[in-house]
PDB file of N, CA and C in Angstrom:
ATOM      1  N   MET A   1       0.555  -1.041  -0.040  1.00  0.00           N
ATOM      2  CA  MET A   1       0.228  -0.069   0.107  1.00  0.00           C
ATOM      3  C   MET A   1       0.881   1.250   0.243  1.00  0.00           C
ATOM      4  N   SER A   2       0.487   2.216  -0.952  1.00  0.00           N
ATOM      5  CA  SER A   2       1.318   3.336  -0.947  1.00  0.00           C
ATOM      6  C   SER A   2       0.394   4.391  -1.574  1.00  0.00           C
ATOM      7  N   LEU A   3       0.733   5.815  -1.283  1.00  0.00           N
ATOM      8  CA  LEU A   3       0.114   7.001  -1.586  1.00  0.00           C
ATOM      9  C   LEU A   3       1.481   7.739  -2.575  1.00  0.00           C
ATOM     10  N   SER A   4       1.115   8.158  -3.486  1.00  0.00           N
ATOM     11  CA  SER A   4       1.933   9.253  -4.272  1.00  0.00           C
ATOM     12  C   SER A   4       1.388  10.564  -4.838  1.00  0.00           C
ATOM     13  N   THR A   5       1.964  11.690  -5.086  1.00  0.00           N
ATOM     14  CA  THR A   5       1.162  12.896  -5.497  1.00  0.00           C
ATOM     15  C   THR A   5       1.984  13.489  -6.623  1.00  0.00           C
ATOM     16  N   SER A   6       1.405  14.051  -7.455  1.00  0.00           N
ATOM     17  CA  SER A   6       2.091  14.754  -8.744  1.00  0.00           C
ATOM     18  C   SER A   6       1.179  15.505  -8.967  1.00  0.00           C
ATOM     19  N   THR A   7       2.182  16.566  -9.559  1.00  0.00           N
ATOM     20  CA  THR A   7       1.592  17.908 -10.164  1.00  0.00           C
ATOM     21  C   THR A   7       1.921  17.967 -11.633  1.00  0.00           C
ATOM     22  N   SER A   8       0.628  18.482 -12.255  1.00  0.00           N
ATOM     23  CA  SER A   8       0.887  18.734 -13.659  1.00  0.00           C
ATOM     24  C   SER A   8       1.924  19.594 -13.846  1.00  0.00           C
ATOM     25  N   ALA A   9       2.532  20.195 -15.399  1.00  0.00           N
ATOM     26  CA  ALA A   9       3.444  20.821 -15.564  1.00  0.00           C
ATOM     27  C   ALA A   9       3.123  22.617 -15.227  1.00  0.00           C
ATOM     28  N   ASP A  10       1.894  22.801 -15.674  1.00  0.00           N
ATOM     29  CA  ASP A  10       1.113  24.052 -15.434  1.00  0.00           C
ATOM     30  C   ASP A  10       0.720  24.226 -13.748  1.00  0.00           C
ATOM     31  N   GLY A  11       0.864  23.476 -13.080  1.00  0.00           N
ATOM     32  CA  GLY A  11       0.474  23.390 -11.621  1.00  0.00           C
ATOM     33  C   GLY A  11      -1.381  23.325 -11.256  1.00  0.00           C
ATOM     34  N   GLN A  12      -2.017  23.193 -12.227  1.00  0.00           N
ATOM     35  CA  GLN A  12      -3.470  23.420 -12.106  1.00  0.00           C
ATOM     36  C   GLN A  12      -4.064  21.677 -11.833  1.00  0.00           C
ATOM     37  N   ILE A  13      -3.154  20.913 -12.003  1.00  0.00           N
ATOM     38  CA  ILE A  13      -3.709  19.441 -11.702  1.00  0.00           C
ATOM     39  C   ILE A  13      -2.768  18.891 -10.724  1.00  0.00           C
ATOM     40  N   VAL A  14      -3.462  18.223  -9.714  1.00  0.00           N
ATOM     41  CA  VAL A  14      -2.674  17.471  -8.535  1.00  0.00           C
ATOM     42  C   VAL A  14      -3.510  16.129  -8.674  1.00  0.00           C
ATOM     43  N   THR A  15      -2.552  15.249  -8.702  1.00  0.00           N
ATOM     44  CA  THR A  15      -3.082  13.671  -8.937  1.00  0.00           C
ATOM     45  C   THR A  15      -2.609  12.899  -7.654  1.00  0.00           C
ATOM     46  N   ILE A  16      -3.475  12.551  -6.935  1.00  0.00           N
ATOM     47  CA  ILE A  16      -3.206  11.783  -5.715  1.00  0.00           C
ATOM     48  C   ILE A  16      -3.374   9.985  -5.970  1.00  0.00           C
ATOM     49  N   GLU A  17      -2.306   9.374  -6.263  1.00  0.00           N
ATOM     50  CA  GLU A  17      -2.730   7.955  -6.657  1.00  0.00           C
ATOM     51  C   GLU A  17      -2.372   6.913  -5.315  1.00  0.00           C
ATOM     52  N   ILE A  18      -3.598   6.051  -5.082  1.00  0.00           N
ATOM     53  CA  ILE A  18      -3.621   5.107  -4.137  1.00  0.00           C
ATOM     54  C   ILE A  18      -3.396   3.678  -4.553  1.00  0.00           C
ATOM     55  N   LYS A  19      -2.498   3.093  -3.908  1.00  0.00           N
ATOM     56  CA  LYS A  19      -2.106   1.733  -4.248  1.00  0.00           C
ATOM     57  C   LYS A  19      -2.259   0.694  -3.054  1.00  0.00           C
ATOM     58  N   GLY A  20      -3.156  -0.198  -3.550  1.00  0.00           N
ATOM     59  CA  GLY A  20      -3.658  -1.288  -2.312  1.00  0.00           C
ATOM     60  C   GLY A  20      -4.705  -0.580  -1.419  1.00  0.00           C
ATOM     61  N   LYS A  21      -4.936  -1.006  -0.480  1.00  0.00           N
ATOM     62  CA  LYS A  21      -5.898  -0.921   0.198  1.00  0.00           C
ATOM     63  C   LYS A  21      -6.196   0.866   0.704  1.00  0.00           C
ATOM     64  N   PHE A  22      -7.002   1.440   0.420  1.00  0.00           N
ATOM     65  CA  PHE A  22      -7.707   2.884   1.045  1.00  0.00           C
ATOM     66  C   PHE A  22      -8.290   2.393   2.084  1.00  0.00           C
ATOM     67  N   ASP A  23      -7.874   2.751   3.282  1.00  0.00           N
ATOM     68  CA  ASP A  23      -8.527   2.664   4.487  1.00  0.00           C
ATOM     69  C   ASP A  23      -7.732   3.620   5.794  1.00  0.00           C
ATOM     70  N   PHE A  24      -8.071   3.244   7.000  1.00  0.00           N
ATOM     71  CA  PHE A  24      -7.574   4.285   8.034  1.00  0.00           C
ATOM     72  C   PHE A  24      -6.335   4.358   7.917  1.00  0.00           C
ATOM     73  N   ASN A  25      -5.379   3.406   7.606  1.00  0.00           N
ATOM     74  CA  ASN A  25      -4.037   3.569   7.611  1.00  0.00           C
ATOM     75  C   ASN A  25      -3.385   4.779   6.560  1.00  0.00           C
ATOM     76  N   PHE A  26      -4.181   5.128   5.752  1.00  0.00           N
ATOM     77  CA  PHE A  26      -4.039   6.196   4.733  1.00  0.00           C
ATOM     78  C   PHE A  26      -4.212   7.688   5.315  1.00  0.00           C
ATOM     79  N   VAL A  27      -4.700   7.726   6.573  1.00  0.00           N
ATOM     80  CA  VAL A  27      -5.449   8.909   7.249  1.00  0.00           C
ATOM     81  C   VAL A  27      -4.437  10.159   7.048  1.00  0.00           C
ATOM     82  N   GLN A  28      -3.338   9.885   7.672  1.00  0.00           N
ATOM     83  CA  GLN A  28      -2.382  11.052   7.751  1.00  0.00           C
ATOM     84  C   GLN A  28      -1.915  11.404   6.173  1.00  0.00           C
ATOM     85  N   ASP A  29      -1.512  10.346   5.803  1.00  0.00           N
ATOM     86  CA  ASP A  29      -0.923  10.565   4.292  1.00  0.00           C
ATOM     87  C   ASP A  29      -1.734  11.088   3.342  1.00  0.00           C
ATOM     88  N   PHE A  30      -2.990  10.894   3.572  1.00  0.00           N
ATOM     89  CA  PHE A  30      -4.112  11.480   2.862  1.00  0.00           C
ATOM     90  C   PHE A  30      -4.276  12.800   2.863  1.00  0.00           C
ATOM     91  N   ARG A  31      -4.417  13.238   4.058  1.00  0.00           N
ATOM     92  CA  ARG A  31      -4.376  14.552   4.480  1.00  0.00           C
ATOM     93  C   ARG A  31      -3.069  15.564   3.894  1.00  0.00           C
ATOM     94  N   SER A  32      -1.885  14.846   4.484  1.00  0.00           N
ATOM     95  CA  SER A  32      -0.890  15.631   3.771  1.00  0.00           C
ATOM     96  C   SER A  32      -0.851  15.927   2.677  1.00  0.00           C
ATOM     97  N   ALA A  33      -1.129  14.926   1.694  1.00  0.00           N
ATOM     98  CA  ALA A  33      -1.163  14.902   0.285  1.00  0.00           C
ATOM     99  C   ALA A  33      -2.221  16.347  -0.343  1.00  0.00           C
ATOM    100  N   TYR A  34      -3.364  16.662   0.437  1.00  0.00           N
ATOM    101  CA  TYR A  34      -3.811  17.626  -0.129  1.00  0.00           C
ATOM    102  C   TYR A  34      -3.769  18.887   0.537  1.00  0.00           C
ATOM    103  N   SER A  35      -3.128  18.614   1.843  1.00  0.00           N
ATOM    104  CA  SER A  35      -3.139  19.641   2.588  1.00  0.00           C
ATOM    105  C   SER A  35      -1.686  20.600   2.157  1.00  0.00           C
ATOM    106  N   SER A  36      -0.700  19.913   1.535  1.00  0.00           N
ATOM    107  CA  SER A  36       0.240  20.549   1.160  1.00  0.00           C
ATOM    108  C   SER A  36       0.151  21.545  -0.134  1.00  0.00           C
ATOM    109  N   ILE A  37      -1.055  21.315  -0.890  1.00  0.00           N
ATOM    110  CA  ILE A  37      -1.490  22.157  -2.145  1.00  0.00           C
ATOM    111  C   ILE A  37      -1.521  23.473  -1.462  1.00  0.00           C
ATOM    112  N   GLU A  38      -0.747  24.379  -2.353  1.00  0.00           N
ATOM    113  CA  GLU A  38      -0.711  25.673  -2.034  1.00  0.00           C
ATOM    114  C   GLU A  38      -1.250  26.623  -3.072  1.00  0.00           C
ATOM    115  N   GLY A  39      -2.446  27.520  -2.717  1.00  0.00           N
ATOM    116  CA  GLY A  39      -2.813  28.319  -3.691  1.00  0.00           C
ATOM    117  C   GLY A  39      -4.196  27.597  -4.209  1.00  0.00           C
ATOM    118  N   ALA A  40      -4.569  28.277  -5.491  1.00  0.00           N
ATOM    119  CA  ALA A  40      -5.907  27.638  -6.087  1.00  0.00           C
ATOM    120  C   ALA A  40      -5.275  27.018  -7.280  1.00  0.00           C
ATOM    121  N   ILE A  41      -6.027  25.406  -7.133  1.00  0.00           N
ATOM    122  CA  ILE A  41      -5.641  24.796  -8.566  1.00  0.00           C
ATOM    123  C   ILE A  41      -7.277  24.536  -8.962  1.00  0.00           C
ATOM    124  N   ASP A  42      -7.078  23.917 -10.500  1.00  0.00           N
ATOM    125  CA  ASP A  42      -8.157  23.671 -11.176  1.00  0.00           C
ATOM    126  C   ASP A  42      -8.746  22.169 -10.842  1.00  0.00           C
ATOM    127  N   VAL A  43      -7.942  21.146 -10.782  1.00  0.00           N
ATOM    128  CA  VAL A  43      -8.463  19.667 -10.335  1.00  0.00           C
ATOM    129  C   VAL A  43      -7.640  19.072  -9.611  1.00  0.00           C
ATOM    130  N   ILE A  44      -8.299  18.449  -8.512  1.00  0.00           N
ATOM    131  CA  ILE A  44      -7.750  17.315  -7.666  1.00  0.00           C
ATOM    132  C   ILE A  44      -8.283  16.056  -8.452  1.00  0.00           C
ATOM    133  N   VAL A  45      -7.339  15.135  -8.886  1.00  0.00           N
ATOM    134  CA  VAL A  45      -7.594  13.741  -9.042  1.00  0.00           C
ATOM    135  C   VAL A  45      -6.996  12.675  -8.191  1.00  0.00           C
ATOM    136  N   VAL A  46      -8.123  11.856  -7.768  1.00  0.00           N
ATOM    137  CA  VAL A  46      -8.037  10.886  -6.862  1.00  0.00           C
ATOM    138  C   VAL A  46      -7.810   9.639  -7.757  1.00  0.00           C
ATOM    139  N   ASP A  47      -6.551   8.994  -8.124  1.00  0.00           N
ATOM    140  CA  ASP A  47      -6.415   7.840  -8.891  1.00  0.00           C
ATOM    141  C   ASP A  47      -6.624   6.781  -8.344  1.00  0.00           C
ATOM    142  N   LEU A  48      -7.518   5.877  -8.657  1.00  0.00           N
ATOM    143  CA  LEU A  48      -7.730   4.561  -7.891  1.00  0.00           C
ATOM    144  C   LEU A  48      -7.589   3.554  -8.517  1.00  0.00           C
ATOM    145  N   ARG A  49      -6.574   3.557  -9.672  1.00  0.00           N
ATOM    146  CA  ARG A  49      -6.388   2.669 -10.662  1.00  0.00           C
ATOM    147  C   ARG A  49      -6.019   1.003  -9.995  1.00  0.00           C
ATOM    148  N   GLU A  50      -5.293   1.562  -8.854  1.00  0.00           N
ATOM    149  CA  GLU A  50      -4.525   0.421  -8.165  1.00  0.00           C
ATOM    150  C   GLU A  50      -5.098  -0.112  -6.959  1.00  0.00           C
ATOM    151  N   THR A  51      -6.163   0.763  -6.465  1.00  0.00           N
ATOM    152  CA  THR A  51      -6.740   0.318  -5.146  1.00  0.00           C
ATOM    153  C   THR A  51      -7.828  -0.655  -5.601  1.00  0.00           C
ATOM    154  N   GLU A  52      -7.192  -1.625  -4.642  1.00  0.00           N
ATOM    155  CA  GLU A  52      -8.045  -3.097  -4.389  1.00  0.00           C
ATOM    156  C   GLU A  52      -9.118  -2.869  -3.363  1.00  0.00           C
ATOM    157  N   TYR A  53      -9.255  -2.108  -2.462  1.00  0.00           N
ATOM    158  CA  TYR A  53     -10.149  -2.068  -1.423  1.00  0.00           C
ATOM    159  C   TYR A  53     -10.278  -0.625  -0.773  1.00  0.00           C
ATOM    160  N   MET A  54     -11.746  -0.289  -0.428  1.00  0.00           N
ATOM    161  CA  MET A  54     -11.737   1.158   0.021  1.00  0.00           C
ATOM    162  C   MET A  54     -12.930   0.671   1.330  1.00  0.00           C
ATOM    163  N   ASP A  55     -12.811   1.383   2.479  1.00  0.00           N
ATOM    164  CA  ASP A  55     -13.805   0.928   3.237  1.00  0.00           C
ATOM    165  C   ASP A  55     -14.222   2.584   3.572  1.00  0.00           C
ATOM    166  N   SER A  56     -15.009   2.611   4.778  1.00  0.00           N
ATOM    167  CA  SER A  56     -15.692   3.911   5.356  1.00  0.00           C
ATOM    168  C   SER A  56     -15.080   5.109   5.709  1.00  0.00           C
ATOM    169  N   SER A  57     -13.806   4.589   6.184  1.00  0.00           N
ATOM    170  CA  SER A  57     -12.916   5.744   6.641  1.00  0.00           C
ATOM    171  C   SER A  57     -12.512   6.376   5.043  1.00  0.00           C
ATOM    172  N   ALA A  58     -12.213   5.472   4.391  1.00  0.00           N
ATOM    173  CA  ALA A  58     -11.793   6.186   3.245  1.00  0.00           C
ATOM    174  C   ALA A  58     -12.725   7.168   2.616  1.00  0.00           C
ATOM    175  N   LEU A  59     -14.181   6.807   2.761  1.00  0.00           N
ATOM    176  CA  LEU A  59     -15.042   7.443   2.196  1.00  0.00           C
ATOM    177  C   LEU A  59     -14.956   9.051   2.926  1.00  0.00           C
ATOM    178  N   GLY A  60     -14.885   8.714   4.507  1.00  0.00           N
ATOM    179  CA  GLY A  60     -14.765   9.998   5.157  1.00  0.00           C
ATOM    180  C   GLY A  60     -13.447  10.850   4.699  1.00  0.00           C
ATOM    181  N   MET A  61     -12.432  10.277   4.242  1.00  0.00           N
ATOM    182  CA  MET A  61     -11.091  10.957   4.017  1.00  0.00           C
ATOM    183  C   MET A  61     -11.623  11.836   2.857  1.00  0.00           C
ATOM    184  N   LEU A  62     -12.415  11.438   1.890  1.00  0.00           N
ATOM    185  CA  LEU A  62     -12.787  11.958   0.645  1.00  0.00           C
ATOM    186  C   LEU A  62     -13.665  13.150   0.792  1.00  0.00           C
ATOM    187  N   LEU A  63     -14.532  12.908   1.763  1.00  0.00           N
ATOM    188  CA  LEU A  63     -15.071  13.987   2.448  1.00  0.00           C
ATOM    189  C   LEU A  63     -14.539  15.244   3.049  1.00  0.00           C
ATOM    190  N   ASN A  64     -13.640  14.578   3.727  1.00  0.00           N
ATOM    191  CA  ASN A  64     -13.086  15.727   4.425  1.00  0.00           C
ATOM    192  C   ASN A  64     -12.073  16.667   3.478  1.00  0.00           C
ATOM    193  N   MET A  65     -11.477  15.976   2.545  1.00  0.00           N
ATOM    194  CA  MET A  65     -10.760  16.736   1.476  1.00  0.00           C
ATOM    195  C   MET A  65     -11.703  17.439   1.019  1.00  0.00           C
ATOM    196  N   GLN A  66     -12.854  17.124   0.443  1.00  0.00           N
ATOM    197  CA  GLN A  66     -13.504  18.136  -0.484  1.00  0.00           C
ATOM    198  C   GLN A  66     -14.192  19.401   0.657  1.00  0.00           C
ATOM    199  N   LYS A  67     -14.409  18.946   1.805  1.00  0.00           N
ATOM    200  CA  LYS A  67     -14.648  20.280   2.703  1.00  0.00           C
ATOM    201  C   LYS A  67     -13.646  21.282   2.935  1.00  0.00           C
ATOM    202  N   SER A  68     -12.076  20.599   3.198  1.00  0.00           N
ATOM    203  CA  SER A  68     -11.013  21.324   3.374  1.00  0.00           C
ATOM    204  C   SER A  68     -10.523  22.210   1.901  1.00  0.00           C
ATOM    205  N   MET A  69     -10.991  21.656   0.898  1.00  0.00           N
ATOM    206  CA  MET A  69     -10.547  22.254  -0.525  1.00  0.00           C
ATOM    207  C   MET A  69     -11.403  23.253  -1.011  1.00  0.00           C
ATOM    208  N   THR A  70     -12.836  23.607  -0.478  1.00  0.00           N
ATOM    209  CA  THR A  70     -13.990  24.425  -1.017  1.00  0.00           C
ATOM    210  C   THR A  70     -13.461  25.646  -1.001  1.00  0.00           C
ATOM    211  N   GLY A  71     -13.267  26.017  -2.302  1.00  0.00           N
ATOM    212  CA  GLY A  71     -12.927  27.525  -2.753  1.00  0.00           C
ATOM    213  C   GLY A  71     -11.554  27.497  -2.900  1.00  0.00           C
ATOM    214  N   ARG A  72     -10.884  26.358  -3.065  1.00  0.00           N
ATOM    215  CA  ARG A  72      -9.416  26.542  -3.472  1.00  0.00           C
ATOM    216  C   ARG A  72      -9.165  25.300  -4.686  1.00  0.00           C
ATOM    217  N   VAL A  73     -10.285  24.555  -5.181  1.00  0.00           N
ATOM    218  CA  VAL A  73     -10.097  23.949  -6.432  1.00  0.00           C
ATOM    219  C   VAL A  73     -11.388  23.676  -6.775  1.00  0.00           C
ATOM    220  N   ASN A  74     -11.530  23.485  -8.246  1.00  0.00           N
ATOM    221  CA  ASN A  74     -12.867  23.931  -8.822  1.00  0.00           C
ATOM    222  C   ASN A  74     -13.691  22.369  -9.197  1.00  0.00           C
ATOM    223  N   LYS A  75     -12.685  21.460  -9.286  1.00  0.00           N
ATOM    224  CA  LYS A  75     -13.386  20.038  -9.088  1.00  0.00           C
ATOM    225  C   LYS A  75     -12.171  19.135  -8.780  1.00  0.00           C
ATOM    226  N   ILE A  76     -13.281  18.164  -7.900  1.00  0.00           N
ATOM    227  CA  ILE A  76     -12.444  17.009  -7.566  1.00  0.00           C
ATOM    228  C   ILE A  76     -13.013  15.630  -8.174  1.00  0.00           C
ATOM    229  N   LYS A  77     -11.936  14.989  -8.862  1.00  0.00           N
ATOM    230  CA  LYS A  77     -12.155  13.666  -9.802  1.00  0.00           C
ATOM    231  C   LYS A  77     -11.848  12.265  -8.939  1.00  0.00           C
ATOM    232  N   ILE A  78     -12.590  11.424  -9.244  1.00  0.00           N
ATOM    233  CA  ILE A  78     -12.239  10.100  -8.815  1.00  0.00           C
ATOM    234  C   ILE A  78     -12.253   9.427 -10.040  1.00  0.00           C
ATOM    235  N   ALA A  79     -10.919   8.953 -10.266  1.00  0.00           N
ATOM    236  CA  ALA A  79     -10.468   8.494 -11.565  1.00  0.00           C
ATOM    237  C   ALA A  79     -10.151   6.856 -11.603  1.00  0.00           C
ATOM    238  N   ASN A  80     -10.558   6.061 -12.596  1.00  0.00           N
ATOM    239  CA  ASN A  80     -10.021   4.759 -13.071  1.00  0.00           C
ATOM    240  C   ASN A  80     -10.318   3.725 -11.586  1.00  0.00           C
ATOM    241  N   CYS A  81     -11.533   3.670 -11.405  1.00  0.00           N
ATOM    242  CA  CYS A  81     -12.189   2.819 -10.382  1.00  0.00           C
ATOM    243  C   CYS A  81     -12.269   1.995 -10.958  1.00  0.00           C
ATOM    244  N   LYS A  82     -12.011   0.619  -9.928  1.00  0.00           N
ATOM    245  CA  LYS A  82     -12.572  -0.868 -10.652  1.00  0.00           C
ATOM    246  C   LYS A  82     -13.951  -0.891 -10.357  1.00  0.00           C
ATOM    247  N   PRO A  83     -14.512  -1.874 -10.922  1.00  0.00           N
ATOM    248  CA  PRO A  83     -16.038  -1.897 -10.567  1.00  0.00           C
ATOM    249  C   PRO A  83     -16.475  -2.045  -9.163  1.00  0.00           C
ATOM    250  N   GLN A  84     -15.920  -2.758  -8.279  1.00  0.00           N
ATOM    251  CA  GLN A  84     -16.413  -2.669  -6.993  1.00  0.00           C
ATOM    252  C   GLN A  84     -15.742  -1.654  -6.400  1.00  0.00           C
ATOM    253  N   ILE A  85     -15.010  -0.669  -6.477  1.00  0.00           N
ATOM    254  CA  ILE A  85     -14.789   0.513  -5.904  1.00  0.00           C
ATOM    255  C   ILE A  85     -15.992   1.446  -6.402  1.00  0.00           C
ATOM    256  N   LYS A  86     -16.216   1.120  -7.777  1.00  0.00           N
ATOM    257  CA  LYS A  86     -16.990   2.551  -8.430  1.00  0.00           C
ATOM    258  C   LYS A  86     -18.461   2.025  -7.603  1.00  0.00           C
ATOM    259  N   LYS A  87     -18.750   0.683  -7.431  1.00  0.00           N
ATOM    260  CA  LYS A  87     -20.229   0.468  -6.929  1.00  0.00           C
ATOM    261  C   LYS A  87     -20.131   0.921  -5.409  1.00  0.00           C
ATOM    262  N   ILE A  88     -19.407   0.937  -4.539  1.00  0.00           N
ATOM    263  CA  ILE A  88     -19.395   1.172  -3.595  1.00  0.00           C
ATOM    264  C   ILE A  88     -19.451   2.964  -3.233  1.00  0.00           C
ATOM    265  N   LEU A  89     -18.529   3.716  -4.278  1.00  0.00           N
ATOM    266  CA  LEU A  89     -18.965   4.997  -4.279  1.00  0.00           C
ATOM    267  C   LEU A  89     -20.459   5.526  -4.693  1.00  0.00           C
ATOM    268  N   GLN A  90     -21.099   4.565  -5.717  1.00  0.00           N
ATOM    269  CA  GLN A  90     -22.107   5.081  -6.307  1.00  0.00           C
ATOM    270  C   GLN A  90     -23.297   4.632  -4.955  1.00  0.00           C
ATOM    271  N   ILE A  91     -23.212   3.725  -4.512  1.00  0.00           N
ATOM    272  CA  ILE A  91     -24.300   3.240  -3.384  1.00  0.00           C
ATOM    273  C   ILE A  91     -23.981   4.169  -2.173  1.00  0.00           C
ATOM    274  N   SER A  92     -23.007   4.908  -2.052  1.00  0.00           N
ATOM    275  CA  SER A  92     -22.669   5.965  -0.865  1.00  0.00           C
ATOM    276  C   SER A  92     -23.388   7.235  -1.622  1.00  0.00           C
ATOM    277  N   ARG A  93     -23.760   7.448  -2.811  1.00  0.00           N
ATOM    278  CA  ARG A  93     -24.113   8.414  -3.479  1.00  0.00           C
ATOM    279  C   ARG A  93     -22.853   9.503  -3.497  1.00  0.00           C
ATOM    280  N   PHE A  94     -21.702   9.372  -3.862  1.00  0.00           N
ATOM    281  CA  PHE A  94     -20.561  10.009  -3.771  1.00  0.00           C
ATOM    282  C   PHE A  94     -20.557  10.585  -5.363  1.00  0.00           C
ATOM    283  N   ASP A  95     -21.150   9.894  -6.473  1.00  0.00           N
ATOM    284  CA  ASP A  95     -21.397  10.465  -7.559  1.00  0.00           C
ATOM    285  C   ASP A  95     -22.175  11.802  -7.630  1.00  0.00           C
ATOM    286  N   LYS A  96     -22.880  12.153  -6.476  1.00  0.00           N
ATOM    287  CA  LYS A  96     -23.431  13.485  -6.618  1.00  0.00           C
ATOM    288  C   LYS A  96     -22.635  14.726  -6.079  1.00  0.00           C
ATOM    289  N   LYS A  97     -21.570  14.189  -5.280  1.00  0.00           N
ATOM    290  CA  LYS A  97     -20.409  15.038  -4.549  1.00  0.00           C
ATOM    291  C   LYS A  97     -19.399  15.383  -5.558  1.00  0.00           C
ATOM    292  N   PHE A  98     -18.786  14.080  -6.338  1.00  0.00           N
ATOM    293  CA  PHE A  98     -17.418  13.841  -6.834  1.00  0.00           C
ATOM    294  C   PHE A  98     -17.903  13.813  -8.399  1.00  0.00           C
ATOM    295  N   ASP A  99     -16.832  14.165  -9.341  1.00  0.00           N
ATOM    296  CA  ASP A  99     -16.974  13.400 -10.517  1.00  0.00           C
ATOM    297  C   ASP A  99     -15.805  12.392 -10.413  1.00  0.00           C
ATOM    298  N   ILE A 100     -16.820  11.357 -10.683  1.00  0.00           N
ATOM    299  CA  ILE A 100     -16.509   9.679 -10.827  1.00  0.00           C
ATOM    300  C   ILE A 100     -16.420   9.132 -12.384  1.00  0.00           C
ATOM    301  N   ASP A 101     -15.196   8.737 -12.721  1.00  0.00           N
ATOM    302  CA  ASP A 101     -14.906   7.754 -13.801  1.00  0.00           C
ATOM    303  C   ASP A 101     -14.343   6.529 -13.539  1.00  0.00           C
TER     304      ASP A 101
END
């Protein structure tokens, strides 16, 4: 399990990539990943391409990020979800709060 952050060349897109299980063990790392963003940006992409599992604490972390970044980011996108992860997000109605693909 790991978390990595990258920023686009123009500084407007920050990607947070999560590998393995997205659970309570990521609370500090995930918070640090978005808290370190300075100024206003266009998009935060949470890339779940290599995420195998997500629990309720991960949902809470996403909501906390959204609340914390309000007014500093135009859009938060959850990208590259595996079918089981996408289903969790849809059941939790996160498709109403986030851009999910």
